[in-house]
Amino acid sequence: MTSLANLGRLLKERRGDQGVRAIAKEIGISHGTLSRVERGFLPDLENYQKICRWLGIEADPVAPPAAKKAGSPQVHFRRQRTITPESASALAQLILTVQAAVDNRG
C-alpha cells in the first residue's frame, strides 16, 4: 500500500527525466503544485485525485486515515501571497483568545 508520504517520490519516479511543466500539463495541474508535491507538500483534494489518476493508483489507499472516516472534514490551505489587514487582525485576536483560555486552565 502506498502512503501519502510517498506521493512525491512516486511522482518523481514516474516523471523521470521529463520536465515538470510538461508533466504538470499532462496531469492537469500547475507546475508549481507538481513541484511542491514532489518536495513533500500535500496537494488539495482535487489535485490529489488528478495526480493519483495520472499515477494509475487508487486515491483511497494513499488518503490520510482521517479522510477514510465517514463525515471527516477535508481542509487544505492554499498559500496566498498576501493577507488582508482584517484577516491578520482576526487571526491575531484568535491566537490571543486561545492563549488566554489556555493560561486560565492551568
N, C-alpha and C. Protein backbone atom coordinates (compact mmCIF):
# COMPACT_ATOMS: atom_id res chain seq x y z
N MET A 1 0.84 -1.19 0.00
CA MET A 1 0.00 0.00 0.00
C MET A 1 0.88 1.24 0.00
N THR A 2 0.50 2.21 -0.76
CA THR A 2 1.25 3.46 -0.88
C THR A 2 0.81 4.43 0.22
N SER A 3 1.77 5.09 0.82
CA SER A 3 1.42 6.10 1.82
C SER A 3 1.44 7.48 1.19
N LEU A 4 0.73 8.40 1.82
CA LEU A 4 0.69 9.77 1.33
C LEU A 4 2.08 10.39 1.32
N ALA A 5 2.92 9.98 2.26
CA ALA A 5 4.28 10.50 2.33
C ALA A 5 5.10 10.11 1.10
N ASN A 6 4.72 9.04 0.42
CA ASN A 6 5.44 8.57 -0.76
C ASN A 6 4.93 9.16 -2.06
N LEU A 7 3.90 9.99 -2.00
CA LEU A 7 3.30 10.52 -3.22
C LEU A 7 4.32 11.31 -4.04
N GLY A 8 5.10 12.17 -3.40
CA GLY A 8 6.11 12.95 -4.11
C GLY A 8 7.16 12.07 -4.76
N ARG A 9 7.60 11.04 -4.04
CA ARG A 9 8.60 10.12 -4.59
C ARG A 9 8.05 9.39 -5.80
N LEU A 10 6.78 8.96 -5.71
CA LEU A 10 6.16 8.27 -6.85
C LEU A 10 6.08 9.19 -8.07
N LEU A 11 5.74 10.45 -7.84
CA LEU A 11 5.68 11.41 -8.94
C LEU A 11 7.05 11.58 -9.60
N LYS A 12 8.08 11.75 -8.78
CA LYS A 12 9.43 11.93 -9.32
C LYS A 12 9.86 10.72 -10.13
N GLU A 13 9.58 9.53 -9.60
CA GLU A 13 9.97 8.31 -10.31
C GLU A 13 9.25 8.19 -11.64
N ARG A 14 7.96 8.43 -11.65
CA ARG A 14 7.19 8.29 -12.89
C ARG A 14 7.56 9.37 -13.89
N ARG A 15 7.83 10.59 -13.40
CA ARG A 15 8.19 11.71 -14.29
C ARG A 15 9.53 11.45 -14.95
N GLY A 16 10.46 10.84 -14.23
CA GLY A 16 11.77 10.55 -14.78
C GLY A 16 12.50 11.80 -15.22
N ASP A 17 12.98 11.80 -16.46
CA ASP A 17 13.74 12.94 -17.00
C ASP A 17 12.86 13.98 -17.68
N GLN A 18 11.55 13.74 -17.69
CA GLN A 18 10.64 14.68 -18.33
C GLN A 18 10.53 15.94 -17.48
N GLY A 19 10.29 17.06 -18.11
CA GLY A 19 10.19 18.34 -17.41
C GLY A 19 8.94 18.46 -16.55
N VAL A 20 9.06 19.24 -15.49
CA VAL A 20 7.96 19.46 -14.56
C VAL A 20 6.77 20.11 -15.28
N ARG A 21 7.04 21.09 -16.11
CA ARG A 21 5.95 21.79 -16.81
C ARG A 21 5.17 20.85 -17.74
N ALA A 22 5.88 20.01 -18.47
CA ALA A 22 5.21 19.10 -19.41
C ALA A 22 4.33 18.10 -18.66
N ILE A 23 4.84 17.56 -17.58
CA ILE A 23 4.08 16.56 -16.83
C ILE A 23 2.92 17.21 -16.09
N ALA A 24 3.14 18.40 -15.55
CA ALA A 24 2.05 19.12 -14.88
C ALA A 24 0.91 19.36 -15.85
N LYS A 25 1.24 19.75 -17.08
CA LYS A 25 0.22 19.98 -18.10
C LYS A 25 -0.52 18.69 -18.41
N GLU A 26 0.22 17.59 -18.50
CA GLU A 26 -0.37 16.28 -18.77
C GLU A 26 -1.33 15.87 -17.66
N ILE A 27 -0.94 16.14 -16.41
CA ILE A 27 -1.77 15.78 -15.26
C ILE A 27 -2.97 16.71 -15.16
N GLY A 28 -2.77 17.98 -15.54
CA GLY A 28 -3.83 18.96 -15.43
C GLY A 28 -3.73 19.81 -14.18
N ILE A 29 -2.48 19.97 -13.69
CA ILE A 29 -2.22 20.81 -12.52
C ILE A 29 -1.13 21.81 -12.87
N SER A 30 -0.91 22.78 -12.00
CA SER A 30 0.14 23.76 -12.26
C SER A 30 1.51 23.14 -12.00
N HIS A 31 2.53 23.69 -12.66
CA HIS A 31 3.88 23.17 -12.43
C HIS A 31 4.33 23.46 -11.00
N GLY A 32 3.85 24.55 -10.42
CA GLY A 32 4.18 24.86 -9.03
C GLY A 32 3.62 23.82 -8.07
N THR A 33 2.39 23.39 -8.33
CA THR A 33 1.78 22.35 -7.49
C THR A 33 2.56 21.06 -7.62
N LEU A 34 2.91 20.67 -8.83
CA LEU A 34 3.67 19.45 -9.03
C LEU A 34 5.00 19.51 -8.29
N SER A 35 5.68 20.61 -8.41
CA SER A 35 6.96 20.79 -7.74
C SER A 35 6.82 20.68 -6.22
N ARG A 36 5.79 21.33 -5.67
CA ARG A 36 5.56 21.28 -4.21
C ARG A 36 5.27 19.86 -3.74
N VAL A 37 4.43 19.14 -4.49
CA VAL A 37 4.08 17.76 -4.10
C VAL A 37 5.33 16.88 -4.16
N GLU A 38 6.15 17.06 -5.17
CA GLU A 38 7.39 16.28 -5.26
C GLU A 38 8.31 16.56 -4.08
N ARG A 39 8.22 17.76 -3.51
CA ARG A 39 9.05 18.10 -2.35
C ARG A 39 8.41 17.68 -1.03
N GLY A 40 7.24 17.06 -1.09
CA GLY A 40 6.63 16.53 0.12
C GLY A 40 5.42 17.28 0.64
N PHE A 41 5.01 18.36 -0.05
CA PHE A 41 3.82 19.08 0.39
C PHE A 41 2.58 18.34 -0.08
N LEU A 42 1.48 18.52 0.63
CA LEU A 42 0.24 17.84 0.30
C LEU A 42 -0.60 18.67 -0.66
N PRO A 43 -1.13 18.06 -1.70
CA PRO A 43 -1.99 18.79 -2.62
C PRO A 43 -3.40 18.89 -2.06
N ASP A 44 -4.21 19.78 -2.65
CA ASP A 44 -5.61 19.80 -2.26
C ASP A 44 -6.28 18.56 -2.86
N LEU A 45 -7.50 18.30 -2.44
CA LEU A 45 -8.18 17.06 -2.81
C LEU A 45 -8.33 16.89 -4.32
N GLU A 46 -8.69 17.96 -5.02
CA GLU A 46 -8.87 17.87 -6.48
C GLU A 46 -7.56 17.51 -7.17
N ASN A 47 -6.48 18.18 -6.81
CA ASN A 47 -5.18 17.88 -7.43
C ASN A 47 -4.67 16.51 -7.01
N TYR A 48 -4.95 16.14 -5.79
CA TYR A 48 -4.58 14.80 -5.29
C TYR A 48 -5.21 13.72 -6.17
N GLN A 49 -6.49 13.90 -6.48
CA GLN A 49 -7.19 12.92 -7.31
C GLN A 49 -6.62 12.88 -8.73
N LYS A 50 -6.29 14.05 -9.28
CA LYS A 50 -5.68 14.10 -10.61
C LYS A 50 -4.33 13.39 -10.63
N ILE A 51 -3.54 13.63 -9.60
CA ILE A 51 -2.21 13.01 -9.51
C ILE A 51 -2.35 11.49 -9.41
N CYS A 52 -3.27 11.04 -8.58
CA CYS A 52 -3.48 9.59 -8.42
C CYS A 52 -3.92 8.95 -9.73
N ARG A 53 -4.83 9.63 -10.46
CA ARG A 53 -5.26 9.10 -11.77
C ARG A 53 -4.06 8.98 -12.70
N TRP A 54 -3.22 10.02 -12.73
CA TRP A 54 -2.05 10.00 -13.61
C TRP A 54 -1.07 8.91 -13.21
N LEU A 55 -0.92 8.69 -11.91
CA LEU A 55 -0.03 7.63 -11.43
C LEU A 55 -0.63 6.24 -11.64
N GLY A 56 -1.94 6.19 -11.88
CA GLY A 56 -2.61 4.91 -12.06
C GLY A 56 -2.84 4.18 -10.75
N ILE A 57 -3.02 4.94 -9.68
CA ILE A 57 -3.28 4.34 -8.37
C ILE A 57 -4.61 4.84 -7.84
N GLU A 58 -5.21 4.05 -6.96
CA GLU A 58 -6.45 4.45 -6.32
C GLU A 58 -6.16 5.59 -5.36
N ALA A 59 -7.02 6.58 -5.33
CA ALA A 59 -6.83 7.71 -4.42
C ALA A 59 -7.01 7.28 -2.98
N ASP A 60 -7.89 6.34 -2.70
CA ASP A 60 -8.18 5.93 -1.34
C ASP A 60 -7.00 5.32 -0.60
N PRO A 61 -6.20 4.43 -1.21
CA PRO A 61 -5.09 3.83 -0.46
C PRO A 61 -4.05 4.83 0.04
N VAL A 62 -3.91 5.98 -0.60
CA VAL A 62 -2.92 6.93 -0.13
C VAL A 62 -3.54 8.08 0.64
N ALA A 63 -4.86 8.00 0.87
CA ALA A 63 -5.53 9.06 1.62
C ALA A 63 -5.14 8.97 3.09
N PRO A 64 -5.05 10.10 3.76
CA PRO A 64 -4.75 10.07 5.18
C PRO A 64 -5.84 9.33 5.94
N PRO A 65 -5.53 8.64 7.04
CA PRO A 65 -6.52 7.86 7.77
C PRO A 65 -7.77 8.66 8.14
N ALA A 66 -7.62 9.92 8.50
CA ALA A 66 -8.77 10.73 8.88
C ALA A 66 -9.75 10.89 7.73
N ALA A 67 -9.24 10.88 6.50
CA ALA A 67 -10.11 11.06 5.33
C ALA A 67 -11.00 9.85 5.10
N LYS A 68 -10.62 8.69 5.63
CA LYS A 68 -11.38 7.48 5.42
C LYS A 68 -12.58 7.38 6.37
N LYS A 69 -12.60 8.17 7.44
CA LYS A 69 -13.70 8.14 8.39
C LYS A 69 -14.88 8.89 7.79
N ALA A 70 -16.05 8.32 7.95
CA ALA A 70 -17.25 8.96 7.42
C ALA A 70 -17.47 10.31 8.10
N GLY A 71 -17.73 11.31 7.30
CA GLY A 71 -18.02 12.63 7.84
C GLY A 71 -16.80 13.42 8.25
N SER A 72 -15.62 12.92 8.01
CA SER A 72 -14.41 13.64 8.39
C SER A 72 -14.19 14.79 7.43
N PRO A 73 -14.08 16.02 7.95
CA PRO A 73 -13.90 17.17 7.04
C PRO A 73 -12.52 17.18 6.42
N GLN A 74 -12.44 17.67 5.20
CA GLN A 74 -11.18 17.81 4.50
C GLN A 74 -10.87 19.29 4.37
N VAL A 75 -9.71 19.69 4.85
CA VAL A 75 -9.33 21.10 4.78
C VAL A 75 -7.95 21.19 4.16
N HIS A 76 -7.79 22.12 3.23
CA HIS A 76 -6.49 22.36 2.64
C HIS A 76 -6.33 23.86 2.53
N PHE A 77 -5.23 24.37 3.05
CA PHE A 77 -4.96 25.79 2.97
C PHE A 77 -4.02 26.06 1.81
N ARG A 78 -4.44 26.92 0.93
CA ARG A 78 -3.58 27.32 -0.18
C ARG A 78 -2.80 28.55 0.24
N ARG A 79 -1.55 28.57 -0.12
CA ARG A 79 -0.74 29.72 0.23
C ARG A 79 -1.17 30.91 -0.61
N GLN A 80 -1.40 32.02 0.08
CA GLN A 80 -1.71 33.26 -0.61
C GLN A 80 -0.52 34.20 -0.47
N ARG A 81 -0.33 35.02 -1.46
CA ARG A 81 0.80 35.95 -1.43
C ARG A 81 0.61 37.03 -0.37
N THR A 82 -0.63 37.42 -0.14
CA THR A 82 -0.90 38.47 0.83
C THR A 82 -2.11 38.09 1.67
N ILE A 83 -2.21 38.73 2.81
CA ILE A 83 -3.36 38.54 3.68
C ILE A 83 -3.91 39.94 3.97
N THR A 84 -5.20 40.05 4.03
CA THR A 84 -5.79 41.36 4.29
C THR A 84 -5.53 41.77 5.73
N PRO A 85 -5.48 43.05 5.99
CA PRO A 85 -5.29 43.52 7.38
C PRO A 85 -6.39 43.00 8.31
N GLU A 86 -7.61 42.88 7.79
CA GLU A 86 -8.72 42.38 8.60
C GLU A 86 -8.49 40.92 8.99
N SER A 87 -8.03 40.11 8.04
CA SER A 87 -7.75 38.70 8.32
C SER A 87 -6.60 38.56 9.31
N ALA A 88 -5.56 39.36 9.14
CA ALA A 88 -4.43 39.31 10.06
C ALA A 88 -4.87 39.68 11.47
N SER A 89 -5.71 40.69 11.58
CA SER A 89 -6.21 41.11 12.88
C SER A 89 -7.08 40.03 13.51
N ALA A 90 -7.94 39.42 12.72
CA ALA A 90 -8.80 38.35 13.23
C ALA A 90 -7.97 37.16 13.69
N LEU A 91 -6.96 36.80 12.93
CA LEU A 91 -6.08 35.68 13.33
C LEU A 91 -5.33 36.01 14.61
N ALA A 92 -4.83 37.23 14.72
CA ALA A 92 -4.13 37.64 15.93
C ALA A 92 -5.05 37.58 17.13
N GLN A 93 -6.29 38.04 16.98
CA GLN A 93 -7.26 38.00 18.07
C GLN A 93 -7.57 36.56 18.46
N LEU A 94 -7.70 35.69 17.47
CA LEU A 94 -7.95 34.28 17.74
C LEU A 94 -6.81 33.66 18.55
N ILE A 95 -5.59 33.95 18.16
CA ILE A 95 -4.43 33.42 18.88
C ILE A 95 -4.40 33.93 20.31
N LEU A 96 -4.66 35.20 20.49
CA LEU A 96 -4.67 35.77 21.84
C LEU A 96 -5.79 35.18 22.69
N THR A 97 -6.95 34.95 22.11
CA THR A 97 -8.07 34.35 22.84
C THR A 97 -7.75 32.92 23.26
N VAL A 98 -7.17 32.15 22.37
CA VAL A 98 -6.80 30.77 22.70
C VAL A 98 -5.72 30.75 23.77
N GLN A 99 -4.74 31.62 23.65
CA GLN A 99 -3.68 31.69 24.65
C GLN A 99 -4.24 32.03 26.02
N ALA A 100 -5.17 32.98 26.08
CA ALA A 100 -5.79 33.36 27.35
C ALA A 100 -6.56 32.19 27.95
N ALA A 101 -7.27 31.45 27.09
CA ALA A 101 -8.02 30.29 27.57
C ALA A 101 -7.09 29.21 28.10
N VAL A 102 -5.99 28.99 27.45
CA VAL A 102 -5.01 28.01 27.91
C VAL A 102 -4.39 28.45 29.23
N ASP A 103 -4.04 29.72 29.33
CA ASP A 103 -3.46 30.25 30.57
C ASP A 103 -4.42 30.13 31.74
N ASN A 104 -5.72 30.31 31.52
CA ASN A 104 -6.71 30.25 32.58
C ASN A 104 -7.00 28.82 33.04
N ARG A 105 -6.66 27.83 32.21
CA ARG A 105 -6.91 26.42 32.57
C ARG A 105 -5.91 25.95 33.59
N GLY A 106 -4.69 26.44 33.55
CA GLY A 106 -3.62 25.94 34.41
C GLY A 106 -3.53 26.72 35.65
